[in-house]
């Protein structure tokens, strides 16, 4: 029997379509269809100038909008040979880590809701509001921040705001400790997530899975350490890994990465250098091509940008982390109970808006 899930379904936060082939209660095969929110953004980039694309690409995703503009602007700055002020690098990284925290809390809440743990969902999304409020205070926006521009950032941080952010992060950490204790000591939550969606280290490498999903299978990879950008080369970063390779291991990685991001945020605020936050950039970009890479909340984000010397890019290609994670879905769903499908899908942290563009 074939059971369809989606494109509209309470389990799915964004539209995509699963077709599950089942024998009794067991999933024996699956297929997937995406593209329901394709907007042709890469083609639109060729019709707009480099500055306009900064705001267009931010709208690829409402969860990780800042990292998209940061990756794009880094690429354009490389083509221009532009030296971004050190303070701008720190402010970009600060927004990146705040974005990582709120993204991880979002998926922790979604996973908990999918498997019936409403209390964990409420705790995660309650704490996430603190981080969103800080991001809004910094940039003026909760979803689209318009923080990064070619040559730097559009906001600055004074001493009063810096002290306020550190105080609120301290309060957030206390609440996050409570959430961590609830997740780690709730036996039924672990029973619903252990031994589900298993990916071995070899499968992760074969499918090119990245981000927390890869690190949960023991693959020690993180671009913030391996190919540092922005201010990350000045920071002490601990890459969080686990070895279970299942939904529970991914949950552990994301929870611990929230605390690591808190540690990085404090470093960024306390060590932030003085100086300007932006430099003037020319409107025309010299002919050439570049690949820009960053570590988004879901893993490695890649932008390929080619310039023909005009004020508009000849090509912008985006490779998001979700598209590689999707390729591993079929192995994760095979031979599990249909009742466990929500846990596997929730634990993957798929961003369909990123994948479809």
C-alpha atoms as a PDB file:
ATOM      1  CA  UNK A   1       0.000   0.000   0.000  1.00  0.00           C
ATOM      2  CA  UNK A   2       1.164   3.552  -0.752  1.00  0.00           C
ATOM      3  CA  UNK A   3       0.510   6.268   1.835  1.00  0.00           C
ATOM      4  CA  UNK A   4       0.927   9.894   0.701  1.00  0.00           C
ATOM      5  CA  UNK A   5       2.177  12.544   3.129  1.00  0.00           C
ATOM      6  CA  UNK A   6       1.963  16.102   1.833  1.00  0.00           C
ATOM      7  CA  UNK A   7       2.355  18.465   0.180  1.00  0.00           C
ATOM      8  CA  UNK A   8      -0.050  19.834   2.824  1.00  0.00           C
ATOM      9  CA  UNK A   9       0.041  17.884   6.075  1.00  0.00           C
ATOM     10  CA  UNK A  10       0.142  18.716   9.822  1.00  0.00           C
ATOM     11  CA  UNK A  11       3.507  16.948  10.017  1.00  0.00           C
ATOM     12  CA  UNK A  12       5.086  19.245   7.414  1.00  0.00           C
ATOM     13  CA  UNK A  13       5.967  22.869   8.145  1.00  0.00           C
ATOM     14  CA  UNK A  14       6.755  23.497   4.478  1.00  0.00           C
ATOM     15  CA  UNK A  15       5.252  21.855   1.381  1.00  0.00           C
ATOM     16  CA  UNK A  16       6.831  18.695   0.020  1.00  0.00           C
ATOM     17  CA  UNK A  17       5.388  15.317  -0.886  1.00  0.00           C
ATOM     18  CA  UNK A  18       6.328  11.861   0.430  1.00  0.00           C
ATOM     19  CA  UNK A  19       4.982   8.618  -0.978  1.00  0.00           C
ATOM     20  CA  UNK A  20       5.562   5.810   1.513  1.00  0.00           C
ATOM     21  CA  UNK A  21       5.238   2.204   0.396  1.00  0.00           C
ATOM     22  CA  UNK A  22       4.246   0.137   3.426  1.00  0.00           C
ATOM     23  CA  UNK A  23       3.720  -3.508   4.227  1.00  0.00           C
ATOM     24  CA  UNK A  24       1.580  -3.617   7.324  1.00  0.00           C
ATOM     25  CA  UNK A  25       3.137  -1.043   9.676  1.00  0.00           C
ATOM     26  CA  UNK A  26       6.632  -1.085   8.119  1.00  0.00           C
ATOM     27  CA  UNK A  27       7.940   1.340   5.511  1.00  0.00           C
ATOM     28  CA  UNK A  28       9.629  -0.638   2.734  1.00  0.00           C
ATOM     29  CA  UNK A  29      10.202   2.135   0.189  1.00  0.00           C
ATOM     30  CA  UNK A  30       9.695   5.861  -0.253  1.00  0.00           C
ATOM     31  CA  UNK A  31       9.823   8.583  -2.852  1.00  0.00           C
ATOM     32  CA  UNK A  32       9.952  12.335  -2.598  1.00  0.00           C
ATOM     33  CA  UNK A  33       8.814  15.317  -4.617  1.00  0.00           C
ATOM     34  CA  UNK A  34      10.023  18.862  -3.989  1.00  0.00           C
ATOM     35  CA  UNK A  35       9.672  22.130  -5.889  1.00  0.00           C
ATOM     36  CA  UNK A  36       6.392  23.405  -4.469  1.00  0.00           C
ATOM     37  CA  UNK A  37       7.969  26.687  -3.319  1.00  0.00           C
ATOM     38  CA  UNK A  38      10.403  27.176  -6.202  1.00  0.00           C
ATOM     39  CA  UNK A  39      10.618  30.910  -6.948  1.00  0.00           C
ATOM     40  CA  UNK A  40      13.375  31.077  -9.535  1.00  0.00           C
ATOM     41  CA  UNK A  41      15.626  33.132  -7.282  1.00  0.00           C
ATOM     42  CA  UNK A  42      18.861  32.214  -9.051  1.00  0.00           C
ATOM     43  CA  UNK A  43      17.447  33.489 -12.343  1.00  0.00           C
ATOM     44  CA  UNK A  44      16.145  36.637 -10.646  1.00  0.00           C
ATOM     45  CA  UNK A  45      19.691  37.352  -9.437  1.00  0.00           C
ATOM     46  CA  UNK A  46      20.808  37.785 -13.051  1.00  0.00           C
ATOM     47  CA  UNK A  47      18.156  40.473 -13.562  1.00  0.00           C
ATOM     48  CA  UNK A  48      19.142  42.604 -10.567  1.00  0.00           C
ATOM     49  CA  UNK A  49      22.313  44.409  -9.583  1.00  0.00           C
ATOM     50  CA  UNK A  50      24.624  43.217  -6.834  1.00  0.00           C
ATOM     51  CA  UNK A  51      23.114  45.467  -4.160  1.00  0.00           C
ATOM     52  CA  UNK A  52      19.530  44.457  -4.958  1.00  0.00           C
ATOM     53  CA  UNK A  53      20.511  40.791  -4.783  1.00  0.00           C
ATOM     54  CA  UNK A  54      21.555  41.251  -1.168  1.00  0.00           C
ATOM     55  CA  UNK A  55      17.914  41.758  -0.221  1.00  0.00           C
ATOM     56  CA  UNK A  56      16.596  39.176  -2.683  1.00  0.00           C
ATOM     57  CA  UNK A  57      18.824  36.348  -1.426  1.00  0.00           C
ATOM     58  CA  UNK A  58      17.892  37.102   2.170  1.00  0.00           C
ATOM     59  CA  UNK A  59      14.395  35.964   1.252  1.00  0.00           C
ATOM     60  CA  UNK A  60      15.466  32.480   0.225  1.00  0.00           C
ATOM     61  CA  UNK A  61      14.774  31.397   3.796  1.00  0.00           C
ATOM     62  CA  UNK A  62      13.086  33.013   6.775  1.00  0.00           C
ATOM     63  CA  UNK A  63      15.003  30.923   9.313  1.00  0.00           C
ATOM     64  CA  UNK A  64      18.608  31.425   8.137  1.00  0.00           C
ATOM     65  CA  UNK A  65      18.268  34.656   6.147  1.00  0.00           C
ATOM     66  CA  UNK A  66      21.396  36.285   7.574  1.00  0.00           C
ATOM     67  CA  UNK A  67      23.799  33.514   6.566  1.00  0.00           C
ATOM     68  CA  UNK A  68      22.581  33.699   2.960  1.00  0.00           C
ATOM     69  CA  UNK A  69      23.425  37.393   2.641  1.00  0.00           C
ATOM     70  CA  UNK A  70      26.710  36.913   4.491  1.00  0.00           C
ATOM     71  CA  UNK A  71      27.796  34.124   2.136  1.00  0.00           C
ATOM     72  CA  UNK A  72      26.785  36.132  -0.924  1.00  0.00           C
ATOM     73  CA  UNK A  73      28.472  39.339   0.240  1.00  0.00           C
ATOM     74  CA  UNK A  74      31.682  37.457   1.088  1.00  0.00           C
ATOM     75  CA  UNK A  75      31.809  36.199  -2.477  1.00  0.00           C
ATOM     76  CA  UNK A  76      31.213  39.620  -4.016  1.00  0.00           C
ATOM     77  CA  UNK A  77      33.807  41.164  -1.701  1.00  0.00           C
ATOM     78  CA  UNK A  78      36.327  38.549  -2.838  1.00  0.00           C
ATOM     79  CA  UNK A  79      35.680  39.477  -6.479  1.00  0.00           C
ATOM     80  CA  UNK A  80      36.128  43.149  -5.618  1.00  0.00           C
ATOM     81  CA  UNK A  81      39.239  42.537  -3.514  1.00  0.00           C
ATOM     82  CA  UNK A  82      37.483  44.466  -0.757  1.00  0.00           C
ATOM     83  CA  UNK A  83      38.865  44.466   2.788  1.00  0.00           C
ATOM     84  CA  UNK A  84      35.957  44.401   5.231  1.00  0.00           C
ATOM     85  CA  UNK A  85      36.563  46.148   8.604  1.00  0.00           C
ATOM     86  CA  UNK A  86      37.319  43.730  11.467  1.00  0.00           C
ATOM     87  CA  UNK A  87      34.400  45.086  13.504  1.00  0.00           C
ATOM     88  CA  UNK A  88      32.019  44.192  10.674  1.00  0.00           C
ATOM     89  CA  UNK A  89      33.364  40.623  10.681  1.00  0.00           C
ATOM     90  CA  UNK A  90      32.602  40.344  14.393  1.00  0.00           C
ATOM     91  CA  UNK A  91      29.090  41.737  14.001  1.00  0.00           C
ATOM     92  CA  UNK A  92      28.384  39.349  11.124  1.00  0.00           C
ATOM     93  CA  UNK A  93      29.555  36.393  13.195  1.00  0.00           C
ATOM     94  CA  UNK A  94      27.466  37.533  16.163  1.00  0.00           C
ATOM     95  CA  UNK A  95      24.324  37.537  14.040  1.00  0.00           C
ATOM     96  CA  UNK A  96      25.302  34.149  12.582  1.00  0.00           C
ATOM     97  CA  UNK A  97      25.542  32.572  16.028  1.00  0.00           C
ATOM     98  CA  UNK A  98      22.287  34.114  17.237  1.00  0.00           C
ATOM     99  CA  UNK A  99      20.664  32.781  14.078  1.00  0.00           C
ATOM    100  CA  UNK A 100      22.113  29.317  14.751  1.00  0.00           C
ATOM    101  CA  UNK A 101      20.627  29.327  18.259  1.00  0.00           C
ATOM    102  CA  UNK A 102      17.135  30.287  17.155  1.00  0.00           C
ATOM    103  CA  UNK A 103      17.241  27.815  14.253  1.00  0.00           C
ATOM    104  CA  UNK A 104      18.252  24.918  16.520  1.00  0.00           C
ATOM    105  CA  UNK A 105      15.560  25.799  19.044  1.00  0.00           C
ATOM    106  CA  UNK A 106      13.004  25.927  16.261  1.00  0.00           C
ATOM    107  CA  UNK A 107      13.772  22.389  15.089  1.00  0.00           C
ATOM    108  CA  UNK A 108      13.943  21.063  18.653  1.00  0.00           C
ATOM    109  CA  UNK A 109      10.428  22.387  19.154  1.00  0.00           C
ATOM    110  CA  UNK A 110       9.213  20.977  15.837  1.00  0.00           C
ATOM    111  CA  UNK A 111      10.644  17.544  16.638  1.00  0.00           C
ATOM    112  CA  UNK A 112       9.048  17.571  20.091  1.00  0.00           C
ATOM    113  CA  UNK A 113       5.674  18.548  18.657  1.00  0.00           C
ATOM    114  CA  UNK A 114       5.895  15.857  15.973  1.00  0.00           C
ATOM    115  CA  UNK A 115       6.262  13.119  18.575  1.00  0.00           C
ATOM    116  CA  UNK A 116       3.792  14.523  21.106  1.00  0.00           C
ATOM    117  CA  UNK A 117       5.978  16.370  23.638  1.00  0.00           C
ATOM    118  CA  UNK A 118       4.161  19.696  23.761  1.00  0.00           C
ATOM    119  CA  UNK A 119       5.945  20.877  26.918  1.00  0.00           C
ATOM    120  CA  UNK A 120       9.378  20.623  25.281  1.00  0.00           C
ATOM    121  CA  UNK A 121       7.983  22.397  22.219  1.00  0.00           C
ATOM    122  CA  UNK A 122       6.705  25.272  24.393  1.00  0.00           C
ATOM    123  CA  UNK A 123       9.975  25.552  26.335  1.00  0.00           C
ATOM    124  CA  UNK A 124      12.082  25.617  23.159  1.00  0.00           C
ATOM    125  CA  UNK A 125       9.990  28.228  21.398  1.00  0.00           C
ATOM    126  CA  UNK A 126       9.661  30.334  24.549  1.00  0.00           C
ATOM    127  CA  UNK A 127      13.446  30.503  24.890  1.00  0.00           C
ATOM    128  CA  UNK A 128      13.815  31.162  21.160  1.00  0.00           C
ATOM    129  CA  UNK A 129      11.894  34.419  21.586  1.00  0.00           C
ATOM    130  CA  UNK A 130      14.710  35.838  23.721  1.00  0.00           C
ATOM    131  CA  UNK A 131      17.178  35.343  20.873  1.00  0.00           C
ATOM    132  CA  UNK A 132      14.788  36.744  18.270  1.00  0.00           C
ATOM    133  CA  UNK A 133      14.307  39.841  20.432  1.00  0.00           C
ATOM    134  CA  UNK A 134      18.090  40.352  20.583  1.00  0.00           C
ATOM    135  CA  UNK A 135      18.361  40.005  16.802  1.00  0.00           C
ATOM    136  CA  UNK A 136      15.532  42.490  16.344  1.00  0.00           C
ATOM    137  CA  UNK A 137      17.239  44.918  18.710  1.00  0.00           C
ATOM    138  CA  UNK A 138      20.471  44.658  16.714  1.00  0.00           C
ATOM    139  CA  UNK A 139      19.131  44.775  13.160  1.00  0.00           C
ATOM    140  CA  UNK A 140      15.548  45.986  13.400  1.00  0.00           C
ATOM    141  CA  UNK A 141      14.052  42.762  12.018  1.00  0.00           C
ATOM    142  CA  UNK A 142      13.067  39.377  13.411  1.00  0.00           C
ATOM    143  CA  UNK A 143      13.018  37.473  10.102  1.00  0.00           C
ATOM    144  CA  UNK A 144      14.641  39.568   7.370  1.00  0.00           C
ATOM    145  CA  UNK A 145      17.434  41.506   9.033  1.00  0.00           C
ATOM    146  CA  UNK A 146      19.082  43.389   6.142  1.00  0.00           C
ATOM    147  CA  UNK A 147      22.160  43.401   8.377  1.00  0.00           C
ATOM    148  CA  UNK A 148      24.937  42.409   5.961  1.00  0.00           C
ATOM    149  CA  UNK A 149      25.809  44.577   2.976  1.00  0.00           C
ATOM    150  CA  UNK A 150      28.649  44.450   0.478  1.00  0.00           C
ATOM    151  CA  UNK A 151      31.533  45.982   2.411  1.00  0.00           C
ATOM    152  CA  UNK A 152      30.306  45.398   5.958  1.00  0.00           C
ATOM    153  CA  UNK A 153      27.124  45.644   8.002  1.00  0.00           C
ATOM    154  CA  UNK A 154      24.339  48.195   8.417  1.00  0.00           C
ATOM    155  CA  UNK A 155      24.213  48.234  12.221  1.00  0.00           C
ATOM    156  CA  UNK A 156      26.547  48.815  15.128  1.00  0.00           C
ATOM    157  CA  UNK A 157      26.691  47.872  18.779  1.00  0.00           C
ATOM    158  CA  UNK A 158      27.356  50.391  21.554  1.00  0.00           C
ATOM    159  CA  UNK A 159      28.509  49.575  25.081  1.00  0.00           C
ATOM    160  CA  UNK A 160      25.036  49.812  26.585  1.00  0.00           C
ATOM    161  CA  UNK A 161      23.591  47.357  24.072  1.00  0.00           C
ATOM    162  CA  UNK A 162      26.581  45.054  24.516  1.00  0.00           C
ATOM    163  CA  UNK A 163      25.993  44.856  28.283  1.00  0.00           C
ATOM    164  CA  UNK A 164      22.271  44.328  27.688  1.00  0.00           C
ATOM    165  CA  UNK A 165      22.935  41.459  25.272  1.00  0.00           C
ATOM    166  CA  UNK A 166      25.322  39.723  27.677  1.00  0.00           C
ATOM    167  CA  UNK A 167      22.793  40.006  30.514  1.00  0.00           C
ATOM    168  CA  UNK A 168      19.992  38.578  28.400  1.00  0.00           C
ATOM    169  CA  UNK A 169      22.209  35.767  27.162  1.00  0.00           C
ATOM    170  CA  UNK A 170      22.954  34.882  30.800  1.00  0.00           C
ATOM    171  CA  UNK A 171      19.212  34.686  31.493  1.00  0.00           C
ATOM    172  CA  UNK A 172      18.711  32.656  28.336  1.00  0.00           C
ATOM    173  CA  UNK A 173      21.422  30.190  29.346  1.00  0.00           C
ATOM    174  CA  UNK A 174      19.654  29.481  32.646  1.00  0.00           C
ATOM    175  CA  UNK A 175      16.414  28.728  30.821  1.00  0.00           C
ATOM    176  CA  UNK A 176      18.293  26.631  28.276  1.00  0.00           C
ATOM    177  CA  UNK A 177      19.779  24.563  31.111  1.00  0.00           C
ATOM    178  CA  UNK A 178      16.237  23.740  32.189  1.00  0.00           C
ATOM    179  CA  UNK A 179      15.319  22.698  28.651  1.00  0.00           C
ATOM    180  CA  UNK A 180      18.440  20.543  28.356  1.00  0.00           C
ATOM    181  CA  UNK A 181      17.635  18.782  31.627  1.00  0.00           C
ATOM    182  CA  UNK A 182      14.072  18.100  30.496  1.00  0.00           C
ATOM    183  CA  UNK A 183      15.253  16.623  27.175  1.00  0.00           C
ATOM    184  CA  UNK A 184      18.118  14.585  28.630  1.00  0.00           C
ATOM    185  CA  UNK A 185      16.117  13.153  31.544  1.00  0.00           C
ATOM    186  CA  UNK A 186      12.824  12.473  29.784  1.00  0.00           C
ATOM    187  CA  UNK A 187      13.119   8.751  29.187  1.00  0.00           C
ATOM    188  CA  UNK A 188      10.113   8.550  26.871  1.00  0.00           C
ATOM    189  CA  UNK A 189      11.594  11.278  24.628  1.00  0.00           C
ATOM    190  CA  UNK A 190      14.754   9.222  24.240  1.00  0.00           C
ATOM    191  CA  UNK A 191      12.742   6.076  23.525  1.00  0.00           C
ATOM    192  CA  UNK A 192      10.959   7.894  20.684  1.00  0.00           C
ATOM    193  CA  UNK A 193      14.203   9.105  19.087  1.00  0.00           C
ATOM    194  CA  UNK A 194      16.861   6.421  19.669  1.00  0.00           C
ATOM    195  CA  UNK A 195      17.733   4.028  16.820  1.00  0.00           C
ATOM    196  CA  UNK A 196      15.625   5.997  14.329  1.00  0.00           C
ATOM    197  CA  UNK A 197      16.876   7.576  11.119  1.00  0.00           C
ATOM    198  CA  UNK A 198      20.259   5.913  11.524  1.00  0.00           C
ATOM    199  CA  UNK A 199      23.081   7.034   9.239  1.00  0.00           C
ATOM    200  CA  UNK A 200      26.558   5.563   9.533  1.00  0.00           C
ATOM    201  CA  UNK A 201      29.670   7.643   8.991  1.00  0.00           C
ATOM    202  CA  UNK A 202      30.092   5.962   5.601  1.00  0.00           C
ATOM    203  CA  UNK A 203      26.517   6.820   4.559  1.00  0.00           C
ATOM    204  CA  UNK A 204      27.021  10.428   5.612  1.00  0.00           C
ATOM    205  CA  UNK A 205      30.122  10.659   3.442  1.00  0.00           C
ATOM    206  CA  UNK A 206      28.473   8.867   0.505  1.00  0.00           C
ATOM    207  CA  UNK A 207      25.478  11.232   0.515  1.00  0.00           C
ATOM    208  CA  UNK A 208      27.620  14.308   1.341  1.00  0.00           C
ATOM    209  CA  UNK A 209      25.427  15.043   4.361  1.00  0.00           C
ATOM    210  CA  UNK A 210      26.625  18.123   6.250  1.00  0.00           C
ATOM    211  CA  UNK A 211      25.984  20.058   9.439  1.00  0.00           C
ATOM    212  CA  UNK A 212      24.538  18.629  12.662  1.00  0.00           C
ATOM    213  CA  UNK A 213      23.364  15.488  10.854  1.00  0.00           C
ATOM    214  CA  UNK A 214      26.934  14.700   9.813  1.00  0.00           C
ATOM    215  CA  UNK A 215      28.400  15.580  13.197  1.00  0.00           C
ATOM    216  CA  UNK A 216      25.816  13.335  14.903  1.00  0.00           C
ATOM    217  CA  UNK A 217      27.300  10.410  12.950  1.00  0.00           C
ATOM    218  CA  UNK A 218      30.836  11.133  14.123  1.00  0.00           C
ATOM    219  CA  UNK A 219      31.984  13.216  11.134  1.00  0.00           C
ATOM    220  CA  UNK A 220      34.075  16.001  12.674  1.00  0.00           C
ATOM    221  CA  UNK A 221      33.477  18.780  10.148  1.00  0.00           C
ATOM    222  CA  UNK A 222      32.628  22.450  10.640  1.00  0.00           C
ATOM    223  CA  UNK A 223      33.630  25.259   8.274  1.00  0.00           C
ATOM    224  CA  UNK A 224      33.859  27.741  11.131  1.00  0.00           C
ATOM    225  CA  UNK A 225      36.965  25.818  12.215  1.00  0.00           C
ATOM    226  CA  UNK A 226      38.104  24.109   9.000  1.00  0.00           C
ATOM    227  CA  UNK A 227      37.821  27.139   6.665  1.00  0.00           C
ATOM    228  CA  UNK A 228      37.239  30.080   9.022  1.00  0.00           C
ATOM    229  CA  UNK A 229      35.486  33.182   7.700  1.00  0.00           C
ATOM    230  CA  UNK A 230      34.326  36.454   9.260  1.00  0.00           C
ATOM    231  CA  UNK A 231      35.694  36.562  12.834  1.00  0.00           C
ATOM    232  CA  UNK A 232      35.873  32.810  13.459  1.00  0.00           C
ATOM    233  CA  UNK A 233      39.640  32.609  13.038  1.00  0.00           C
ATOM    234  CA  UNK A 234      39.908  34.747  16.200  1.00  0.00           C
ATOM    235  CA  UNK A 235      37.578  32.582  18.301  1.00  0.00           C
ATOM    236  CA  UNK A 236      37.988  29.437  20.353  1.00  0.00           C
ATOM    237  CA  UNK A 237      35.485  26.987  18.851  1.00  0.00           C
ATOM    238  CA  UNK A 238      34.618  23.495  20.069  1.00  0.00           C
ATOM    239  CA  UNK A 239      33.018  21.352  17.359  1.00  0.00           C
ATOM    240  CA  UNK A 240      30.224  19.264  18.883  1.00  0.00           C
ATOM    241  CA  UNK A 241      29.996  15.666  17.647  1.00  0.00           C
ATOM    242  CA  UNK A 242      28.159  12.485  18.606  1.00  0.00           C
ATOM    243  CA  UNK A 243      28.390   8.895  17.415  1.00  0.00           C
ATOM    244  CA  UNK A 244      24.854   7.534  17.586  1.00  0.00           C
ATOM    245  CA  UNK A 245      23.915   8.579  14.055  1.00  0.00           C
ATOM    246  CA  UNK A 246      20.213   8.629  14.964  1.00  0.00           C
ATOM    247  CA  UNK A 247      17.564  11.242  15.789  1.00  0.00           C
ATOM    248  CA  UNK A 248      18.602  11.251  19.453  1.00  0.00           C
ATOM    249  CA  UNK A 249      22.250  11.962  18.556  1.00  0.00           C
ATOM    250  CA  UNK A 250      21.159  14.846  16.292  1.00  0.00           C
ATOM    251  CA  UNK A 251      19.103  16.257  19.145  1.00  0.00           C
ATOM    252  CA  UNK A 252      22.124  16.112  21.454  1.00  0.00           C
ATOM    253  CA  UNK A 253      24.334  17.847  18.894  1.00  0.00           C
ATOM    254  CA  UNK A 254      21.863  20.690  18.418  1.00  0.00           C
ATOM    255  CA  UNK A 255      21.341  21.177  22.147  1.00  0.00           C
ATOM    256  CA  UNK A 256      25.086  21.333  22.799  1.00  0.00           C
ATOM    257  CA  UNK A 257      25.647  23.605  19.791  1.00  0.00           C
ATOM    258  CA  UNK A 258      23.248  26.109  21.360  1.00  0.00           C
ATOM    259  CA  UNK A 259      25.558  26.328  24.381  1.00  0.00           C
ATOM    260  CA  UNK A 260      28.630  26.530  22.159  1.00  0.00           C
ATOM    261  CA  UNK A 261      27.031  29.378  20.185  1.00  0.00           C
ATOM    262  CA  UNK A 262      26.327  31.162  23.468  1.00  0.00           C
ATOM    263  CA  UNK A 263      30.027  30.838  24.306  1.00  0.00           C
ATOM    264  CA  UNK A 264      30.958  32.271  20.891  1.00  0.00           C
ATOM    265  CA  UNK A 265      28.500  35.167  21.271  1.00  0.00           C
ATOM    266  CA  UNK A 266      30.156  36.167  24.534  1.00  0.00           C
ATOM    267  CA  UNK A 267      33.596  36.007  22.920  1.00  0.00           C
ATOM    268  CA  UNK A 268      32.408  38.155  20.019  1.00  0.00           C
ATOM    269  CA  UNK A 269      30.865  40.831  22.232  1.00  0.00           C
ATOM    270  CA  UNK A 270      33.770  40.956  24.685  1.00  0.00           C
ATOM    271  CA  UNK A 271      36.585  40.879  22.084  1.00  0.00           C
ATOM    272  CA  UNK A 272      34.945  43.094  19.461  1.00  0.00           C
ATOM    273  CA  UNK A 273      37.442  45.610  18.022  1.00  0.00           C
ATOM    274  CA  UNK A 274      36.646  49.240  17.383  1.00  0.00           C
ATOM    275  CA  UNK A 275      36.527  51.035  14.057  1.00  0.00           C
ATOM    276  CA  UNK A 276      34.082  51.407  11.168  1.00  0.00           C
ATOM    277  CA  UNK A 277      31.462  48.800  10.283  1.00  0.00           C
ATOM    278  CA  UNK A 278      31.482  49.262   6.512  1.00  0.00           C
ATOM    279  CA  UNK A 279      33.577  50.467   3.586  1.00  0.00           C
ATOM    280  CA  UNK A 280      32.388  51.883   0.311  1.00  0.00           C
ATOM    281  CA  UNK A 281      32.157  49.343  -2.512  1.00  0.00           C
ATOM    282  CA  UNK A 282      32.126  50.039  -6.275  1.00  0.00           C
ATOM    283  CA  UNK A 283      28.897  49.225  -8.103  1.00  0.00           C
ATOM    284  CA  UNK A 284      30.608  47.286 -10.899  1.00  0.00           C
ATOM    285  CA  UNK A 285      32.341  44.021 -10.125  1.00  0.00           C
ATOM    286  CA  UNK A 286      35.387  42.930 -12.188  1.00  0.00           C
ATOM    287  CA  UNK A 287      34.963  39.876 -14.403  1.00  0.00           C
ATOM    288  CA  UNK A 288      35.733  36.645 -12.607  1.00  0.00           C
ATOM    289  CA  UNK A 289      34.221  33.878 -10.544  1.00  0.00           C
ATOM    290  CA  UNK A 290      34.308  32.866  -6.907  1.00  0.00           C
ATOM    291  CA  UNK A 291      33.028  30.195  -4.531  1.00  0.00           C
ATOM    292  CA  UNK A 292      31.952  31.385  -1.083  1.00  0.00           C
ATOM    293  CA  UNK A 293      31.314  28.905   1.750  1.00  0.00           C
ATOM    294  CA  UNK A 294      29.897  29.284   5.246  1.00  0.00           C
ATOM    295  CA  UNK A 295      28.531  27.055   8.006  1.00  0.00           C
ATOM    296  CA  UNK A 296      24.772  27.632   8.083  1.00  0.00           C
ATOM    297  CA  UNK A 297      22.668  26.213  10.950  1.00  0.00           C
ATOM    298  CA  UNK A 298      21.986  23.112   8.819  1.00  0.00           C
ATOM    299  CA  UNK A 299      25.504  22.746   7.433  1.00  0.00           C
ATOM    300  CA  UNK A 300      27.734  23.932   4.620  1.00  0.00           C
ATOM    301  CA  UNK A 301      26.185  26.655   2.449  1.00  0.00           C
ATOM    302  CA  UNK A 302      27.873  27.305  -0.914  1.00  0.00           C
ATOM    303  CA  UNK A 303      27.484  30.258  -3.284  1.00  0.00           C
ATOM    304  CA  UNK A 304      29.034  30.298  -6.750  1.00  0.00           C
ATOM    305  CA  UNK A 305      29.114  33.801  -8.270  1.00  0.00           C
ATOM    306  CA  UNK A 306      30.322  34.664 -11.781  1.00  0.00           C
ATOM    307  CA  UNK A 307      30.772  38.243 -12.950  1.00  0.00           C
ATOM    308  CA  UNK A 308      31.047  39.481 -16.533  1.00  0.00           C
ATOM    309  CA  UNK A 309      32.157  42.968 -15.496  1.00  0.00           C
ATOM    310  CA  UNK A 310      28.702  44.573 -15.506  1.00  0.00           C
ATOM    311  CA  UNK A 311      26.613  45.750 -12.563  1.00  0.00           C
ATOM    312  CA  UNK A 312      24.672  42.454 -12.566  1.00  0.00           C
ATOM    313  CA  UNK A 313      26.013  38.943 -11.933  1.00  0.00           C
ATOM    314  CA  UNK A 314      26.187  36.589 -14.903  1.00  0.00           C
ATOM    315  CA  UNK A 315      25.373  33.637 -12.644  1.00  0.00           C
ATOM    316  CA  UNK A 316      24.581  32.978  -9.000  1.00  0.00           C
ATOM    317  CA  UNK A 317      24.336  29.322  -7.963  1.00  0.00           C
ATOM    318  CA  UNK A 318      23.296  28.322  -4.439  1.00  0.00           C
ATOM    319  CA  UNK A 319      23.918  24.881  -2.894  1.00  0.00           C
ATOM    320  CA  UNK A 320      22.008  24.613   0.369  1.00  0.00           C
ATOM    321  CA  UNK A 321      22.640  21.926   3.020  1.00  0.00           C
ATOM    322  CA  UNK A 322      19.075  20.586   2.950  1.00  0.00           C
ATOM    323  CA  UNK A 323      19.375  19.228  -0.585  1.00  0.00           C
ATOM    324  CA  UNK A 324      22.129  16.808   0.465  1.00  0.00           C
ATOM    325  CA  UNK A 325      20.238  15.755   3.588  1.00  0.00           C
ATOM    326  CA  UNK A 326      17.205  14.900   1.467  1.00  0.00           C
ATOM    327  CA  UNK A 327      19.212  12.351  -0.495  1.00  0.00           C
ATOM    328  CA  UNK A 328      19.748  10.342   2.691  1.00  0.00           C
ATOM    329  CA  UNK A 329      16.064  10.300   3.602  1.00  0.00           C
ATOM    330  CA  UNK A 330      15.262   7.040   1.817  1.00  0.00           C
ATOM    331  CA  UNK A 331      17.799   5.056   3.841  1.00  0.00           C
ATOM    332  CA  UNK A 332      16.505   6.619   7.047  1.00  0.00           C
ATOM    333  CA  UNK A 333      12.869   5.733   6.377  1.00  0.00           C
ATOM    334  CA  UNK A 334      13.442   2.189   5.163  1.00  0.00           C
ATOM    335  CA  UNK A 335      12.207  -0.573   7.488  1.00  0.00           C
ATOM    336  CA  UNK A 336      10.845   1.658  10.253  1.00  0.00           C
ATOM    337  CA  UNK A 337       7.326   1.821  11.648  1.00  0.00           C
ATOM    338  CA  UNK A 338       5.085   4.365   9.998  1.00  0.00           C
ATOM    339  CA  UNK A 339       4.458   5.799  13.480  1.00  0.00           C
ATOM    340  CA  UNK A 340       8.158   6.759  13.651  1.00  0.00           C
ATOM    341  CA  UNK A 341       8.188   8.714  10.383  1.00  0.00           C
ATOM    342  CA  UNK A 342       7.352  12.052  12.140  1.00  0.00           C
ATOM    343  CA  UNK A 343      10.382  11.658  14.412  1.00  0.00           C
ATOM    344  CA  UNK A 344      12.751  11.016  11.502  1.00  0.00           C
ATOM    345  CA  UNK A 345      11.447  13.929   9.440  1.00  0.00           C
ATOM    346  CA  UNK A 346      11.448  16.281  12.437  1.00  0.00           C
ATOM    347  CA  UNK A 347      14.985  15.300  13.396  1.00  0.00           C
ATOM    348  CA  UNK A 348      16.372  16.062   9.932  1.00  0.00           C
ATOM    349  CA  UNK A 349      15.679  19.812  10.188  1.00  0.00           C
ATOM    350  CA  UNK A 350      14.760  20.224   6.532  1.00  0.00           C
ATOM    351  CA  UNK A 351      14.433  23.723   5.078  1.00  0.00           C
ATOM    352  CA  UNK A 352      12.371  23.324   1.929  1.00  0.00           C
ATOM    353  CA  UNK A 353      12.434  27.036   1.101  1.00  0.00           C
ATOM    354  CA  UNK A 354      16.234  26.769   0.887  1.00  0.00           C
ATOM    355  CA  UNK A 355      16.129  23.580  -1.171  1.00  0.00           C
ATOM    356  CA  UNK A 356      13.541  24.860  -3.666  1.00  0.00           C
ATOM    357  CA  UNK A 357      14.535  28.538  -3.874  1.00  0.00           C
END
